[in-house]
C-alpha atoms as a PDB file:
ATOM      1  CA  MET A   1       0.000   0.000   0.000  1.00  0.00           C
ATOM      2  CA  PHE A   2       2.744   2.465   0.942  1.00  0.00           C
ATOM      3  CA  LYS A   3       5.148   2.838  -1.957  1.00  0.00           C
ATOM      4  CA  GLY A   4       6.097   5.308  -4.649  1.00  0.00           C
ATOM      5  CA  SER A   5       6.118   9.092  -4.436  1.00  0.00           C
ATOM      6  CA  TYR A   6       4.466  10.508  -1.334  1.00  0.00           C
ATOM      7  CA  VAL A   7       4.420  14.291  -1.085  1.00  0.00           C
ATOM      8  CA  ALA A   8       5.471  15.864   2.208  1.00  0.00           C
ATOM      9  CA  LEU A   9       2.685  18.375   1.729  1.00  0.00           C
ATOM     10  CA  VAL A  10       3.089  22.059   2.526  1.00  0.00           C
ATOM     11  CA  THR A  11       0.411  23.829   4.544  1.00  0.00           C
ATOM     12  CA  PRO A  12      -0.821  26.832   2.524  1.00  0.00           C
ATOM     13  CA  PHE A  13      -1.366  30.112   4.374  1.00  0.00           C
ATOM     14  CA  THR A  14      -3.225  33.270   3.434  1.00  0.00           C
ATOM     15  CA  ASP A  15      -2.735  36.304   5.675  1.00  0.00           C
ATOM     16  CA  GLY A  16      -1.283  34.079   8.387  1.00  0.00           C
ATOM     17  CA  LYS A  17      -4.176  31.620   8.460  1.00  0.00           C
ATOM     18  CA  VAL A  18      -4.407  28.068   7.122  1.00  0.00           C
ATOM     19  CA  ASP A  19      -6.066  28.277   3.704  1.00  0.00           C
ATOM     20  CA  LEU A  20      -8.336  25.234   3.543  1.00  0.00           C
ATOM     21  CA  ASP A  21      -9.546  25.969   0.017  1.00  0.00           C
ATOM     22  CA  ALA A  22      -5.942  26.048  -1.229  1.00  0.00           C
ATOM     23  CA  LEU A  23      -5.236  22.851   0.717  1.00  0.00           C
ATOM     24  CA  LYS A  24      -8.088  21.037  -1.024  1.00  0.00           C
ATOM     25  CA  LYS A  25      -6.862  22.350  -4.379  1.00  0.00           C
ATOM     26  CA  LEU A  26      -3.434  20.872  -3.650  1.00  0.00           C
ATOM     27  CA  VAL A  27      -4.912  17.475  -2.772  1.00  0.00           C
ATOM     28  CA  ASP A  28      -6.800  17.398  -6.090  1.00  0.00           C
ATOM     29  CA  TRP A  29      -3.703  18.494  -8.002  1.00  0.00           C
ATOM     30  CA  HIS A  30      -1.534  15.779  -6.488  1.00  0.00           C
ATOM     31  CA  VAL A  31      -4.106  13.104  -7.245  1.00  0.00           C
ATOM     32  CA  ASP A  32      -4.381  14.352 -10.832  1.00  0.00           C
ATOM     33  CA  GLN A  33      -0.577  14.468 -11.213  1.00  0.00           C
ATOM     34  CA  GLY A  34      -0.171  10.844 -10.143  1.00  0.00           C
ATOM     35  CA  THR A  35       1.236  11.330  -6.646  1.00  0.00           C
ATOM     36  CA  HIS A  36       0.954   7.992  -4.859  1.00  0.00           C
ATOM     37  CA  GLY A  37       0.239   9.315  -1.365  1.00  0.00           C
ATOM     38  CA  ILE A  38       0.041  12.446   0.775  1.00  0.00           C
ATOM     39  CA  VAL A  39       1.781  13.239   4.062  1.00  0.00           C
ATOM     40  CA  PRO A  40       0.275  16.349   5.694  1.00  0.00           C
ATOM     41  CA  VAL A  41       1.667  18.230   8.702  1.00  0.00           C
ATOM     42  CA  GLY A  42       5.163  16.876   8.751  1.00  0.00           C
ATOM     43  CA  THR A  43       8.023  19.342   9.099  1.00  0.00           C
ATOM     44  CA  THR A  44       7.422  20.471   5.511  1.00  0.00           C
ATOM     45  CA  GLY A  45       3.830  21.178   6.552  1.00  0.00           C
ATOM     46  CA  GLU A  46       5.218  23.571   9.200  1.00  0.00           C
ATOM     47  CA  SER A  47       3.886  21.441  12.033  1.00  0.00           C
ATOM     48  CA  PRO A  48       6.096  23.211  14.614  1.00  0.00           C
ATOM     49  CA  THR A  49       4.190  26.456  14.019  1.00  0.00           C
ATOM     50  CA  LEU A  50       0.669  25.021  13.803  1.00  0.00           C
ATOM     51  CA  SER A  51      -1.605  24.983  16.833  1.00  0.00           C
ATOM     52  CA  HIS A  52      -3.015  21.611  17.854  1.00  0.00           C
ATOM     53  CA  ALA A  53      -6.401  22.662  16.469  1.00  0.00           C
ATOM     54  CA  GLU A  54      -4.832  23.642  13.137  1.00  0.00           C
ATOM     55  CA  HIS A  55      -2.832  20.400  13.026  1.00  0.00           C
ATOM     56  CA  ASP A  56      -5.953  18.293  13.512  1.00  0.00           C
ATOM     57  CA  LEU A  57      -7.931  20.375  11.014  1.00  0.00           C
ATOM     58  CA  VAL A  58      -5.318  19.979   8.277  1.00  0.00           C
ATOM     59  CA  VAL A  59      -5.212  16.200   8.752  1.00  0.00           C
ATOM     60  CA  GLN A  60      -9.009  15.948   8.774  1.00  0.00           C
ATOM     61  CA  THR A  61      -9.330  18.148   5.679  1.00  0.00           C
ATOM     62  CA  VAL A  62      -6.740  16.206   3.690  1.00  0.00           C
ATOM     63  CA  VAL A  63      -8.215  12.816   4.645  1.00  0.00           C
ATOM     64  CA  GLU A  64     -11.764  13.877   3.849  1.00  0.00           C
ATOM     65  CA  HIS A  65     -10.864  15.548   0.555  1.00  0.00           C
ATOM     66  CA  ALA A  66      -8.583  12.740  -0.590  1.00  0.00           C
ATOM     67  CA  ALA A  67     -11.599  10.483  -0.017  1.00  0.00           C
ATOM     68  CA  GLY A  68      -9.603   7.300  -0.438  1.00  0.00           C
ATOM     69  CA  ARG A  69      -8.143   8.290  -3.816  1.00  0.00           C
ATOM     70  CA  VAL A  70      -4.620   8.050  -2.357  1.00  0.00           C
ATOM     71  CA  PRO A  71      -3.342   6.959   1.060  1.00  0.00           C
ATOM     72  CA  VAL A  72      -2.768   9.627   3.696  1.00  0.00           C
ATOM     73  CA  ILE A  73       0.012   9.292   6.275  1.00  0.00           C
ATOM     74  CA  ALA A  74      -0.583  11.971   8.883  1.00  0.00           C
ATOM     75  CA  GLY A  75       2.318  13.681  10.588  1.00  0.00           C
ATOM     76  CA  ALA A  76       1.885  12.951  14.292  1.00  0.00           C
ATOM     77  CA  GLY A  77       5.276  13.421  15.911  1.00  0.00           C
ATOM     78  CA  SER A  78       6.376  15.288  19.016  1.00  0.00           C
ATOM     79  CA  ASN A  79       9.141  15.072  21.594  1.00  0.00           C
ATOM     80  CA  ASN A  80       6.403  14.598  24.186  1.00  0.00           C
ATOM     81  CA  THR A  81       5.092  11.030  24.267  1.00  0.00           C
ATOM     82  CA  ALA A  82       1.662  11.993  25.619  1.00  0.00           C
ATOM     83  CA  GLU A  83       1.270  14.605  22.885  1.00  0.00           C
ATOM     84  CA  THR A  84       2.378  12.087  20.259  1.00  0.00           C
ATOM     85  CA  VAL A  85      -0.247   9.630  21.449  1.00  0.00           C
ATOM     86  CA  ARG A  86      -2.897  12.370  21.208  1.00  0.00           C
ATOM     87  CA  LEU A  87      -1.821  13.251  17.664  1.00  0.00           C
ATOM     88  CA  VAL A  88      -1.824   9.609  16.547  1.00  0.00           C
ATOM     89  CA  GLN A  89      -5.248   9.068  18.083  1.00  0.00           C
ATOM     90  CA  ALA A  90      -6.557  12.196  16.336  1.00  0.00           C
ATOM     91  CA  ALA A  91      -5.150  10.949  13.022  1.00  0.00           C
ATOM     92  CA  LYS A  92      -6.827   7.603  13.592  1.00  0.00           C
ATOM     93  CA  ASP A  93     -10.141   9.296  14.395  1.00  0.00           C
ATOM     94  CA  ALA A  94      -9.838  11.391  11.215  1.00  0.00           C
ATOM     95  CA  GLY A  95      -9.450   8.243   9.126  1.00  0.00           C
ATOM     96  CA  ALA A  96      -5.782   8.547   8.156  1.00  0.00           C
ATOM     97  CA  ASP A  97      -4.180   5.394   6.780  1.00  0.00           C
ATOM     98  CA  ALA A  98      -1.091   5.702   8.983  1.00  0.00           C
ATOM     99  CA  ALA A  99       0.834   8.116  11.207  1.00  0.00           C
ATOM    100  CA  LEU A 100       4.367   9.401  10.683  1.00  0.00           C
ATOM    101  CA  VAL A 101       6.094   9.680  14.063  1.00  0.00           C
ATOM    102  CA  VAL A 102       9.473  11.380  14.344  1.00  0.00           C
ATOM    103  CA  THR A 103      12.158  10.388  16.827  1.00  0.00           C
ATOM    104  CA  PRO A 104      11.824  12.797  19.785  1.00  0.00           C
ATOM    105  CA  TYR A 105      13.928  15.869  19.096  1.00  0.00           C
ATOM    106  CA  TYR A 106      15.965  17.981  21.511  1.00  0.00           C
ATOM    107  CA  ASN A 107      15.492  15.796  24.613  1.00  0.00           C
ATOM    108  CA  LYS A 108      17.604  12.965  23.082  1.00  0.00           C
ATOM    109  CA  PRO A 109      16.086   9.820  24.624  1.00  0.00           C
ATOM    110  CA  THR A 110      18.044   6.584  24.911  1.00  0.00           C
ATOM    111  CA  GLN A 111      17.255   3.654  22.638  1.00  0.00           C
ATOM    112  CA  ALA A 112      15.096   2.243  25.454  1.00  0.00           C
ATOM    113  CA  GLY A 113      13.277   5.585  25.532  1.00  0.00           C
ATOM    114  CA  LEU A 114      12.664   5.361  21.778  1.00  0.00           C
ATOM    115  CA  ILE A 115      11.173   1.892  22.198  1.00  0.00           C
ATOM    116  CA  ALA A 116       8.834   3.159  24.923  1.00  0.00           C
ATOM    117  CA  HIS A 117       7.845   6.228  22.885  1.00  0.00           C
ATOM    118  CA  PHE A 118       7.042   4.390  19.656  1.00  0.00           C
ATOM    119  CA  THR A 119       5.321   1.521  21.450  1.00  0.00           C
ATOM    120  CA  ALA A 120       2.966   4.009  23.112  1.00  0.00           C
ATOM    121  CA  ALA A 121       2.217   5.589  19.718  1.00  0.00           C
ATOM    122  CA  ALA A 122       1.628   2.226  18.035  1.00  0.00           C
ATOM    123  CA  ASP A 123      -0.622   0.998  20.831  1.00  0.00           C
ATOM    124  CA  CYS A 124      -3.218   3.514  19.568  1.00  0.00           C
ATOM    125  CA  GLY A 125      -4.017   1.000  16.838  1.00  0.00           C
ATOM    126  CA  LEU A 126      -3.088   3.057  13.770  1.00  0.00           C
ATOM    127  CA  PRO A 127      -0.187   1.905  11.573  1.00  0.00           C
ATOM    128  CA  VAL A 128       2.937   3.888  12.454  1.00  0.00           C
ATOM    129  CA  MET A 129       5.886   4.798  10.278  1.00  0.00           C
ATOM    130  CA  ILE A 130       9.042   5.719  12.167  1.00  0.00           C
ATOM    131  CA  TYR A 131      10.677   8.941  11.003  1.00  0.00           C
ATOM    132  CA  ASN A 132      14.409   8.712  11.620  1.00  0.00           C
ATOM    133  CA  ILE A 133      16.136  12.024  10.919  1.00  0.00           C
ATOM    134  CA  PRO A 134      19.129  12.401  13.253  1.00  0.00           C
ATOM    135  CA  GLY A 135      20.270  15.601  11.560  1.00  0.00           C
ATOM    136  CA  ARG A 136      17.209  17.379  12.944  1.00  0.00           C
ATOM    137  CA  SER A 137      16.274  15.364  16.011  1.00  0.00           C
ATOM    138  CA  ALA A 138      19.813  14.841  17.391  1.00  0.00           C
ATOM    139  CA  VAL A 139      19.015  11.190  18.118  1.00  0.00           C
ATOM    140  CA  ASP A 140      19.547   8.265  15.767  1.00  0.00           C
ATOM    141  CA  MET A 141      17.449   5.119  16.002  1.00  0.00           C
ATOM    142  CA  THR A 142      19.767   2.146  15.635  1.00  0.00           C
ATOM    143  CA  VAL A 143      19.023  -0.772  13.358  1.00  0.00           C
ATOM    144  CA  GLU A 144      18.705  -2.979  16.435  1.00  0.00           C
ATOM    145  CA  THR A 145      16.089  -0.692  17.994  1.00  0.00           C
ATOM    146  CA  MET A 146      14.150  -0.557  14.740  1.00  0.00           C
ATOM    147  CA  ALA A 147      14.229  -4.341  14.544  1.00  0.00           C
ATOM    148  CA  THR A 148      12.759  -4.536  18.049  1.00  0.00           C
ATOM    149  CA  LEU A 149      10.017  -2.057  17.180  1.00  0.00           C
ATOM    150  CA  SER A 150       9.241  -3.811  13.885  1.00  0.00           C
ATOM    151  CA  LYS A 151       7.886  -6.726  15.902  1.00  0.00           C
ATOM    152  CA  HIS A 152       4.965  -4.519  16.970  1.00  0.00           C
ATOM    153  CA  PRO A 153       2.121  -5.297  14.533  1.00  0.00           C
ATOM    154  CA  MET A 154       1.295  -1.599  14.076  1.00  0.00           C
ATOM    155  CA  ILE A 155       4.856  -0.407  13.366  1.00  0.00           C
ATOM    156  CA  ILE A 156       5.022  -0.951   9.639  1.00  0.00           C
ATOM    157  CA  GLY A 157       7.999   0.959   8.298  1.00  0.00           C
ATOM    158  CA  VAL A 158      10.383   3.892   8.320  1.00  0.00           C
ATOM    159  CA  LYS A 159      10.948   7.197   6.602  1.00  0.00           C
ATOM    160  CA  ASP A 160      14.739   7.107   6.606  1.00  0.00           C
ATOM    161  CA  ALA A 161      16.439  10.496   6.337  1.00  0.00           C
ATOM    162  CA  THR A 162      19.870   9.364   7.515  1.00  0.00           C
ATOM    163  CA  ALA A 163      21.315   9.571   3.955  1.00  0.00           C
ATOM    164  CA  ASP A 164      23.118   6.313   4.794  1.00  0.00           C
ATOM    165  CA  LEU A 165      22.160   3.946   1.999  1.00  0.00           C
ATOM    166  CA  SER A 166      23.740   1.016   3.813  1.00  0.00           C
ATOM    167  CA  ARG A 167      20.890   1.275   6.325  1.00  0.00           C
ATOM    168  CA  VAL A 168      18.392  -0.036   3.788  1.00  0.00           C
ATOM    169  CA  PRO A 169      19.757  -3.591   3.460  1.00  0.00           C
ATOM    170  CA  LYS A 170      20.685  -3.686   7.149  1.00  0.00           C
ATOM    171  CA  GLN A 171      17.146  -2.746   8.149  1.00  0.00           C
ATOM    172  CA  ARG A 172      15.646  -5.164   5.630  1.00  0.00           C
ATOM    173  CA  MET A 173      17.746  -8.002   7.033  1.00  0.00           C
ATOM    174  CA  ARG A 174      16.722  -7.198  10.614  1.00  0.00           C
ATOM    175  CA  CYS A 175      13.136  -5.985  10.146  1.00  0.00           C
ATOM    176  CA  GLY A 176      12.014  -8.228   7.292  1.00  0.00           C
ATOM    177  CA  ALA A 177      11.226  -7.703   3.630  1.00  0.00           C
ATOM    178  CA  ASP A 178       7.692  -6.498   4.392  1.00  0.00           C
ATOM    179  CA  PHE A 179       8.930  -3.617   6.540  1.00  0.00           C
ATOM    180  CA  VAL A 180       8.236  -0.503   4.436  1.00  0.00           C
ATOM    181  CA  GLN A 181      11.326   1.609   3.823  1.00  0.00           C
ATOM    182  CA  MET A 182      10.806   5.036   2.263  1.00  0.00           C
ATOM    183  CA  SER A 183      13.509   7.608   1.704  1.00  0.00           C
ATOM    184  CA  GLY A 184      13.323  10.960   3.444  1.00  0.00           C
ATOM    185  CA  GLU A 185      15.866  12.546   1.133  1.00  0.00           C
ATOM    186  CA  ASP A 186      15.074  13.422  -2.468  1.00  0.00           C
ATOM    187  CA  ALA A 187      18.639  13.536  -3.768  1.00  0.00           C
ATOM    188  CA  THR A 188      19.469   9.923  -2.848  1.00  0.00           C
ATOM    189  CA  ALA A 189      16.055   8.392  -3.571  1.00  0.00           C
ATOM    190  CA  LEU A 190      17.291   6.405  -6.578  1.00  0.00           C
ATOM    191  CA  GLY A 191      20.073   4.744  -4.604  1.00  0.00           C
ATOM    192  CA  PHE A 192      17.692   4.168  -1.713  1.00  0.00           C
ATOM    193  CA  ASN A 193      15.309   2.177  -3.901  1.00  0.00           C
ATOM    194  CA  ALA A 194      18.178   0.359  -5.590  1.00  0.00           C
ATOM    195  CA  HIS A 195      19.168  -0.858  -2.112  1.00  0.00           C
ATOM    196  CA  GLY A 196      15.658  -2.154  -1.484  1.00  0.00           C
ATOM    197  CA  GLY A 197      13.546   0.868  -0.597  1.00  0.00           C
ATOM    198  CA  VAL A 198      10.047   1.282  -2.009  1.00  0.00           C
ATOM    199  CA  GLY A 199       9.529   5.029  -2.213  1.00  0.00           C
ATOM    200  CA  CYS A 200      10.221   8.547  -1.062  1.00  0.00           C
ATOM    201  CA  ILE A 201       8.376  11.017   1.135  1.00  0.00           C
ATOM    202  CA  SER A 202       9.394  13.942  -0.991  1.00  0.00           C
ATOM    203  CA  VAL A 203       9.640  17.697  -0.573  1.00  0.00           C
ATOM    204  CA  THR A 204      10.369  18.271  -4.265  1.00  0.00           C
ATOM    205  CA  ALA A 205       7.119  16.477  -5.122  1.00  0.00           C
ATOM    206  CA  ASN A 206       5.318  19.633  -3.971  1.00  0.00           C
ATOM    207  CA  VAL A 207       6.731  21.344  -7.072  1.00  0.00           C
ATOM    208  CA  ALA A 208       7.196  18.430  -9.498  1.00  0.00           C
ATOM    209  CA  PRO A 209       4.601  15.816  -8.511  1.00  0.00           C
ATOM    210  CA  LYS A 210       4.238  14.151 -11.905  1.00  0.00           C
ATOM    211  CA  LEU A 211       7.968  13.877 -12.521  1.00  0.00           C
ATOM    212  CA  CYS A 212       8.622  12.569  -9.003  1.00  0.00           C
ATOM    213  CA  ALA A 213       5.873   9.973  -9.412  1.00  0.00           C
ATOM    214  CA  GLU A 214       7.252   8.844 -12.781  1.00  0.00           C
ATOM    215  CA  PHE A 215      10.747   8.669 -11.310  1.00  0.00           C
ATOM    216  CA  GLN A 216       9.536   6.436  -8.482  1.00  0.00           C
ATOM    217  CA  GLU A 217       7.586   4.221 -10.859  1.00  0.00           C
ATOM    218  CA  ALA A 218      10.700   3.740 -12.996  1.00  0.00           C
ATOM    219  CA  THR A 219      12.833   2.697 -10.016  1.00  0.00           C
ATOM    220  CA  LEU A 220      10.186   0.321  -8.700  1.00  0.00           C
ATOM    221  CA  ALA A 221       9.974  -1.275 -12.156  1.00  0.00           C
ATOM    222  CA  GLY A 222      13.744  -1.706 -12.182  1.00  0.00           C
ATOM    223  CA  ASP A 223      14.092   0.739 -15.083  1.00  0.00           C
ATOM    224  CA  TYR A 224      17.074   2.602 -13.713  1.00  0.00           C
ATOM    225  CA  ALA A 225      18.079   3.951 -17.135  1.00  0.00           C
ATOM    226  CA  SER A 226      14.842   5.957 -17.301  1.00  0.00           C
ATOM    227  CA  ALA A 227      15.131   6.864 -13.629  1.00  0.00           C
ATOM    228  CA  LEU A 228      18.605   8.312 -14.223  1.00  0.00           C
ATOM    229  CA  VAL A 229      17.267  10.539 -16.988  1.00  0.00           C
ATOM    230  CA  GLN A 230      14.510  11.754 -14.677  1.00  0.00           C
ATOM    231  CA  LEU A 231      16.971  12.253 -11.818  1.00  0.00           C
ATOM    232  CA  ASP A 232      19.151  14.425 -14.032  1.00  0.00           C
ATOM    233  CA  ARG A 233      16.091  16.589 -14.692  1.00  0.00           C
ATOM    234  CA  LEU A 234      15.263  16.779 -10.990  1.00  0.00           C
ATOM    235  CA  MET A 235      18.663  17.173  -9.352  1.00  0.00           C
ATOM    236  CA  PRO A 236      19.166  20.935  -9.912  1.00  0.00           C
ATOM    237  CA  LEU A 237      15.695  21.472  -8.450  1.00  0.00           C
ATOM    238  CA  HIS A 238      16.456  19.221  -5.452  1.00  0.00           C
ATOM    239  CA  GLU A 239      19.600  21.223  -4.771  1.00  0.00           C
ATOM    240  CA  ALA A 240      17.910  24.597  -5.192  1.00  0.00           C
ATOM    241  CA  ILE A 241      14.919  23.782  -2.996  1.00  0.00           C
ATOM    242  CA  PHE A 242      17.198  22.732  -0.147  1.00  0.00           C
ATOM    243  CA  THR A 243      19.580  25.704  -0.405  1.00  0.00           C
ATOM    244  CA  GLU A 244      17.458  27.210   2.372  1.00  0.00           C
ATOM    245  CA  PRO A 245      14.907  25.208   4.416  1.00  0.00           C
ATOM    246  CA  GLY A 246      13.098  22.991   1.942  1.00  0.00           C
ATOM    247  CA  LEU A 247       9.559  23.983   2.807  1.00  0.00           C
ATOM    248  CA  ILE A 248      10.315  27.628   1.949  1.00  0.00           C
ATOM    249  CA  GLY A 249      11.810  26.599  -1.375  1.00  0.00           C
ATOM    250  CA  ALA A 250       8.881  24.296  -2.118  1.00  0.00           C
ATOM    251  CA  LYS A 251       6.350  27.014  -1.404  1.00  0.00           C
ATOM    252  CA  TYR A 252       8.204  29.473  -3.612  1.00  0.00           C
ATOM    253  CA  GLY A 253       8.306  26.965  -6.471  1.00  0.00           C
ATOM    254  CA  MET A 254       4.607  26.276  -6.057  1.00  0.00           C
ATOM    255  CA  SER A 255       3.900  30.001  -6.153  1.00  0.00           C
ATOM    256  CA  LEU A 256       5.571  30.160  -9.577  1.00  0.00           C
ATOM    257  CA  LEU A 257       3.122  27.495 -10.726  1.00  0.00           C
ATOM    258  CA  GLY A 258       0.154  29.349  -9.228  1.00  0.00           C
ATOM    259  CA  MET A 259      -0.559  26.445  -6.864  1.00  0.00           C
ATOM    260  CA  SER A 260       0.096  28.090  -3.481  1.00  0.00           C
ATOM    261  CA  SER A 261       1.256  31.297  -1.908  1.00  0.00           C
ATOM    262  CA  ALA A 262       4.889  31.478  -0.834  1.00  0.00           C
ATOM    263  CA  GLU A 263       3.820  32.597   2.647  1.00  0.00           C
ATOM    264  CA  VAL A 264       5.567  30.901   5.591  1.00  0.00           C
ATOM    265  CA  ARG A 265       5.338  31.358   9.338  1.00  0.00           C
ATOM    266  CA  ALA A 266       8.100  32.711  11.542  1.00  0.00           C
ATOM    267  CA  PRO A 267      10.790  31.819  12.382  1.00  0.00           C
ATOM    268  CA  HIS A 268      11.008  31.081   8.657  1.00  0.00           C
ATOM    269  CA  VAL A 269      11.420  34.066   6.355  1.00  0.00           C
ATOM    270  CA  PRO A 270      11.126  34.514   2.567  1.00  0.00           C
ATOM    271  CA  LEU A 271      13.908  33.222   0.342  1.00  0.00           C
ATOM    272  CA  THR A 272      16.867  35.288  -0.741  1.00  0.00           C
ATOM    273  CA  ASP A 273      16.887  36.458  -4.356  1.00  0.00           C
ATOM    274  CA  GLY A 274      19.733  34.100  -5.209  1.00  0.00           C
ATOM    275  CA  THR A 275      17.807  31.042  -4.032  1.00  0.00           C
ATOM    276  CA  LYS A 276      14.689  32.209  -5.854  1.00  0.00           C
ATOM    277  CA  ALA A 277      16.686  32.417  -9.080  1.00  0.00           C
ATOM    278  CA  ALA A 278      18.155  28.942  -8.526  1.00  0.00           C
ATOM    279  CA  ILE A 279      14.703  27.436  -7.961  1.00  0.00           C
ATOM    280  CA  ARG A 280      13.342  29.093 -11.072  1.00  0.00           C
ATOM    281  CA  ASP A 281      16.333  27.806 -13.065  1.00  0.00           C
ATOM    282  CA  GLY A 282      15.839  24.319 -11.629  1.00  0.00           C
ATOM    283  CA  MET A 283      12.180  24.369 -12.620  1.00  0.00           C
ATOM    284  CA  VAL A 284      13.076  25.426 -16.159  1.00  0.00           C
ATOM    285  CA  HIS A 285      15.669  22.629 -16.335  1.00  0.00           C
ATOM    286  CA  ALA A 286      13.049  20.125 -15.173  1.00  0.00           C
ATOM    287  CA  GLY A 287      10.584  21.320 -17.812  1.00  0.00           C
ATOM    288  CA  LEU A 288       8.155  22.805 -15.299  1.00  0.00           C
ATOM    289  CA  LEU A 289       8.516  26.387 -16.516  1.00  0.00           C
ATOM    290  CA  ASN A 290       9.368  27.880 -19.898  1.00  0.00           C
END
């Protein structure tokens, strides 16, 4: 069920408020463009700056508007276990297909703490995908810990943003072939799938959903020659979007397509002119703009 190109969806704002009409428009666009799944209110969805009410409303809106056309994995992570459980339960109540739960950031739990945290989240009864991103959370879930957690029937996979491609076969060997491994890094998504991954939760897919979906389909079909051609089209855009925080770059690119405003919430600020030019150039290179 969970494979291919999943968009780490931005949260559109208008005059500082969540724009639900724009959000619904984005869901329709991604379905039409062939995106395989939607992940609202992750970091790219600016979850750190959303209130709990806004967080729940975005998840509910995306689930209801997607209406089963594509799977929805709801962002539901926090460094507070009780808050994580509440977010997972809310995602379950909204009808999400799974929850994406990040390793607790800043407070740096031990591996035993990670097991307790993710077990509590999974005990809610909604499938859980682990989000391992040590560069942001300052804690790395070991392969051994993931193998322990994979025994829980509701812990189904991982969004791996370690950029360590050797993790994929190691985790497959320890967690089993059915454990879903999706990349959390656009630039290495081809290598990730070549090592046994099945998809990417992508920031660039906000701007290039059709191309990202076709790229994933090529890798999953074993057509790496086509995937390399598509990667060459995408790579300048990957690099440009992540010159500054990716969600800001994604929103700017979407604004050039008329799909969303470029508005972000503090502490994020608008892009520099140099990054704007690089994103525009990357979109031209990818065939998204003339």
